[in-house]
N, C-alpha and C. Protein backbone atom coordinates (compact mmCIF):
# COMPACT_ATOMS: atom_id res chain seq x y z
N MET A 1 0.29 20.02 -3.87
CA MET A 1 0.40 18.67 -4.39
C MET A 1 -0.61 18.51 -5.52
N SER A 2 -0.22 17.85 -6.56
CA SER A 2 -1.04 17.69 -7.75
C SER A 2 -1.87 16.40 -7.70
N VAL A 3 -2.99 16.38 -8.43
CA VAL A 3 -3.81 15.17 -8.49
C VAL A 3 -3.12 14.06 -9.27
N ILE A 4 -2.02 14.40 -9.95
CA ILE A 4 -1.31 13.36 -10.68
C ILE A 4 -0.20 12.73 -9.83
N GLU A 5 -0.06 13.18 -8.60
CA GLU A 5 0.89 12.57 -7.68
C GLU A 5 0.38 11.18 -7.30
N SER A 6 1.31 10.26 -7.08
CA SER A 6 0.88 8.94 -6.64
C SER A 6 0.28 9.04 -5.24
N LEU A 7 -0.61 8.11 -4.94
CA LEU A 7 -1.21 8.08 -3.61
C LEU A 7 -0.14 7.92 -2.54
N LEU A 8 0.95 7.24 -2.87
CA LEU A 8 2.03 7.06 -1.92
C LEU A 8 2.62 8.41 -1.50
N LYS A 9 2.79 9.31 -2.46
CA LYS A 9 3.31 10.65 -2.13
C LYS A 9 2.31 11.45 -1.30
N VAL A 10 1.04 11.22 -1.56
CA VAL A 10 0.00 11.95 -0.84
C VAL A 10 -0.07 11.49 0.62
N ILE A 11 -0.07 10.19 0.84
CA ILE A 11 -0.21 9.68 2.21
C ILE A 11 1.12 9.42 2.90
N GLY A 12 2.20 9.49 2.16
CA GLY A 12 3.53 9.24 2.72
C GLY A 12 3.84 9.99 4.00
N PRO A 13 3.52 11.29 4.08
CA PRO A 13 3.81 12.02 5.31
C PRO A 13 3.00 11.54 6.53
N PHE A 14 1.92 10.82 6.28
CA PHE A 14 1.04 10.40 7.37
C PHE A 14 1.11 8.91 7.69
N ASP A 15 1.71 8.13 6.81
CA ASP A 15 1.76 6.69 6.99
C ASP A 15 3.11 6.17 6.54
N ARG A 16 3.50 5.02 7.05
CA ARG A 16 4.81 4.48 6.71
C ARG A 16 4.69 3.28 5.78
N ILE A 17 3.84 3.38 4.79
CA ILE A 17 3.57 2.28 3.88
C ILE A 17 4.83 1.76 3.19
N GLU A 18 5.68 2.66 2.73
CA GLU A 18 6.84 2.23 1.96
C GLU A 18 7.95 1.65 2.82
N LYS A 19 7.99 2.01 4.07
CA LYS A 19 9.01 1.46 4.96
C LYS A 19 8.65 0.01 5.25
N SER A 20 9.60 -0.74 5.80
CA SER A 20 9.32 -2.15 6.04
C SER A 20 8.08 -2.30 6.92
N PRO A 21 7.18 -3.19 6.50
CA PRO A 21 5.93 -3.34 7.23
C PRO A 21 6.15 -3.90 8.63
N THR A 22 5.29 -3.53 9.53
CA THR A 22 5.39 -4.06 10.89
C THR A 22 4.94 -5.51 10.87
N CYS A 23 5.36 -6.23 11.86
CA CYS A 23 5.02 -7.65 11.95
C CYS A 23 3.52 -7.79 12.16
N LEU A 24 2.90 -8.60 11.36
CA LEU A 24 1.47 -8.82 11.45
C LEU A 24 1.08 -9.42 12.80
N LEU A 25 1.99 -10.19 13.40
CA LEU A 25 1.72 -10.81 14.70
C LEU A 25 2.26 -10.00 15.87
N GLY A 26 2.81 -8.81 15.58
CA GLY A 26 3.25 -7.90 16.64
C GLY A 26 4.64 -8.13 17.19
N ARG A 27 5.43 -8.98 16.54
CA ARG A 27 6.79 -9.21 17.02
C ARG A 27 7.64 -7.97 16.78
N PRO A 28 8.54 -7.63 17.72
CA PRO A 28 9.39 -6.46 17.51
C PRO A 28 10.42 -6.69 16.39
N GLU A 29 10.85 -7.92 16.21
CA GLU A 29 11.80 -8.27 15.15
C GLU A 29 11.14 -9.30 14.24
N CYS A 30 10.99 -8.98 12.98
CA CYS A 30 10.41 -9.91 12.02
C CYS A 30 11.04 -9.60 10.67
N SER A 31 11.75 -10.56 10.11
CA SER A 31 12.46 -10.33 8.86
C SER A 31 12.54 -11.63 8.08
N ASP A 32 13.15 -11.55 6.91
CA ASP A 32 13.35 -12.77 6.12
C ASP A 32 14.26 -13.75 6.87
N VAL A 33 15.16 -13.21 7.68
CA VAL A 33 16.09 -14.05 8.42
C VAL A 33 15.40 -14.70 9.62
N GLU A 34 14.60 -13.93 10.34
CA GLU A 34 13.87 -14.45 11.51
C GLU A 34 12.38 -14.13 11.35
N PRO A 35 11.70 -14.87 10.47
CA PRO A 35 10.30 -14.56 10.18
C PRO A 35 9.33 -15.12 11.22
N CYS A 36 8.20 -14.44 11.37
CA CYS A 36 7.10 -14.99 12.16
C CYS A 36 6.36 -15.97 11.24
N ARG A 37 5.35 -16.61 11.75
CA ARG A 37 4.60 -17.60 10.95
C ARG A 37 3.84 -16.96 9.77
N ALA A 38 3.53 -15.70 9.87
CA ALA A 38 2.77 -15.04 8.80
C ALA A 38 3.65 -14.25 7.84
N HIS A 39 4.94 -14.12 8.13
CA HIS A 39 5.84 -13.20 7.43
C HIS A 39 5.82 -13.36 5.91
N ARG A 40 6.02 -14.54 5.43
CA ARG A 40 6.16 -14.71 3.98
C ARG A 40 4.89 -14.32 3.23
N ARG A 41 3.74 -14.75 3.73
CA ARG A 41 2.48 -14.39 3.06
C ARG A 41 2.18 -12.91 3.23
N TRP A 42 2.39 -12.36 4.42
CA TRP A 42 2.13 -10.95 4.68
C TRP A 42 3.06 -10.06 3.87
N LYS A 43 4.31 -10.46 3.73
CA LYS A 43 5.27 -9.65 2.97
C LYS A 43 4.79 -9.49 1.53
N ALA A 44 4.31 -10.57 0.93
CA ALA A 44 3.82 -10.49 -0.45
C ALA A 44 2.62 -9.55 -0.56
N ILE A 45 1.72 -9.62 0.40
CA ILE A 45 0.54 -8.74 0.39
C ILE A 45 0.96 -7.28 0.61
N ALA A 46 1.87 -7.06 1.56
CA ALA A 46 2.35 -5.70 1.84
C ALA A 46 3.03 -5.09 0.62
N LEU A 47 3.78 -5.89 -0.14
CA LEU A 47 4.42 -5.39 -1.35
C LEU A 47 3.37 -5.01 -2.40
N GLU A 48 2.30 -5.79 -2.51
CA GLU A 48 1.23 -5.45 -3.45
C GLU A 48 0.52 -4.16 -3.05
N VAL A 49 0.29 -3.98 -1.77
CA VAL A 49 -0.35 -2.75 -1.28
C VAL A 49 0.53 -1.55 -1.58
N THR A 50 1.83 -1.68 -1.30
CA THR A 50 2.77 -0.59 -1.58
C THR A 50 2.77 -0.25 -3.06
N GLU A 51 2.79 -1.26 -3.92
CA GLU A 51 2.79 -1.03 -5.36
C GLU A 51 1.50 -0.34 -5.81
N PHE A 52 0.36 -0.71 -5.21
CA PHE A 52 -0.90 -0.03 -5.52
C PHE A 52 -0.79 1.46 -5.23
N PHE A 53 -0.30 1.81 -4.04
CA PHE A 53 -0.19 3.22 -3.67
C PHE A 53 0.86 3.94 -4.50
N ARG A 54 1.91 3.24 -4.90
CA ARG A 54 2.97 3.84 -5.71
C ARG A 54 2.49 4.10 -7.14
N SER A 55 1.66 3.22 -7.68
CA SER A 55 1.30 3.31 -9.09
C SER A 55 -0.10 3.90 -9.34
N THR A 56 -0.82 4.30 -8.30
CA THR A 56 -2.17 4.83 -8.45
C THR A 56 -2.22 6.30 -8.06
N THR A 57 -2.95 7.07 -8.84
CA THR A 57 -3.14 8.49 -8.52
C THR A 57 -4.60 8.74 -8.19
N ALA A 58 -4.88 9.93 -7.68
CA ALA A 58 -6.26 10.31 -7.41
C ALA A 58 -7.07 10.31 -8.70
N VAL A 59 -6.45 10.72 -9.79
CA VAL A 59 -7.13 10.73 -11.10
C VAL A 59 -7.53 9.30 -11.48
N ASP A 60 -6.64 8.33 -11.24
CA ASP A 60 -6.97 6.93 -11.53
C ASP A 60 -8.23 6.51 -10.77
N LEU A 61 -8.31 6.88 -9.50
CA LEU A 61 -9.47 6.51 -8.69
C LEU A 61 -10.74 7.18 -9.20
N LEU A 62 -10.64 8.45 -9.60
CA LEU A 62 -11.80 9.16 -10.13
C LEU A 62 -12.26 8.55 -11.44
N ARG A 63 -11.32 8.20 -12.29
CA ARG A 63 -11.67 7.57 -13.58
C ARG A 63 -12.37 6.24 -13.35
N SER A 64 -11.83 5.43 -12.46
CA SER A 64 -12.42 4.11 -12.24
C SER A 64 -13.80 4.23 -11.59
N GLU A 65 -14.01 5.27 -10.77
CA GLU A 65 -15.32 5.48 -10.15
C GLU A 65 -16.36 5.82 -11.21
N HIS A 66 -15.97 6.63 -12.16
CA HIS A 66 -16.92 7.07 -13.20
C HIS A 66 -17.17 5.98 -14.24
N SER A 67 -16.27 5.03 -14.37
CA SER A 67 -16.46 3.97 -15.35
C SER A 67 -17.04 2.70 -14.72
N ALA A 68 -17.25 2.71 -13.42
CA ALA A 68 -17.81 1.54 -12.74
C ALA A 68 -19.29 1.40 -13.07
N PRO A 69 -19.77 0.15 -13.14
CA PRO A 69 -21.20 -0.06 -13.39
C PRO A 69 -22.05 0.68 -12.36
N GLY A 70 -23.07 1.37 -12.81
CA GLY A 70 -23.95 2.10 -11.90
C GLY A 70 -23.44 3.48 -11.53
N ALA A 71 -22.27 3.88 -12.08
CA ALA A 71 -21.74 5.21 -11.77
C ALA A 71 -22.61 6.27 -12.45
N ARG A 72 -22.68 7.43 -11.83
CA ARG A 72 -23.49 8.53 -12.37
C ARG A 72 -22.77 9.24 -13.48
């Protein structure tokens, strides 16, 4: 696997980030049709997390670490 692979490809075999997120409140069924009380807000956050892993590579993380204030 290359360092230019998205983080989603790297962690995909170990985590189910891209698949529909589990219910934040632990309900076995939680969807747009039958949402829990947290569903709408959690869905938006889960989509942002998925997009972060899809659009970020290890190189991106290394670059941002070196450009952060106080980086060596």
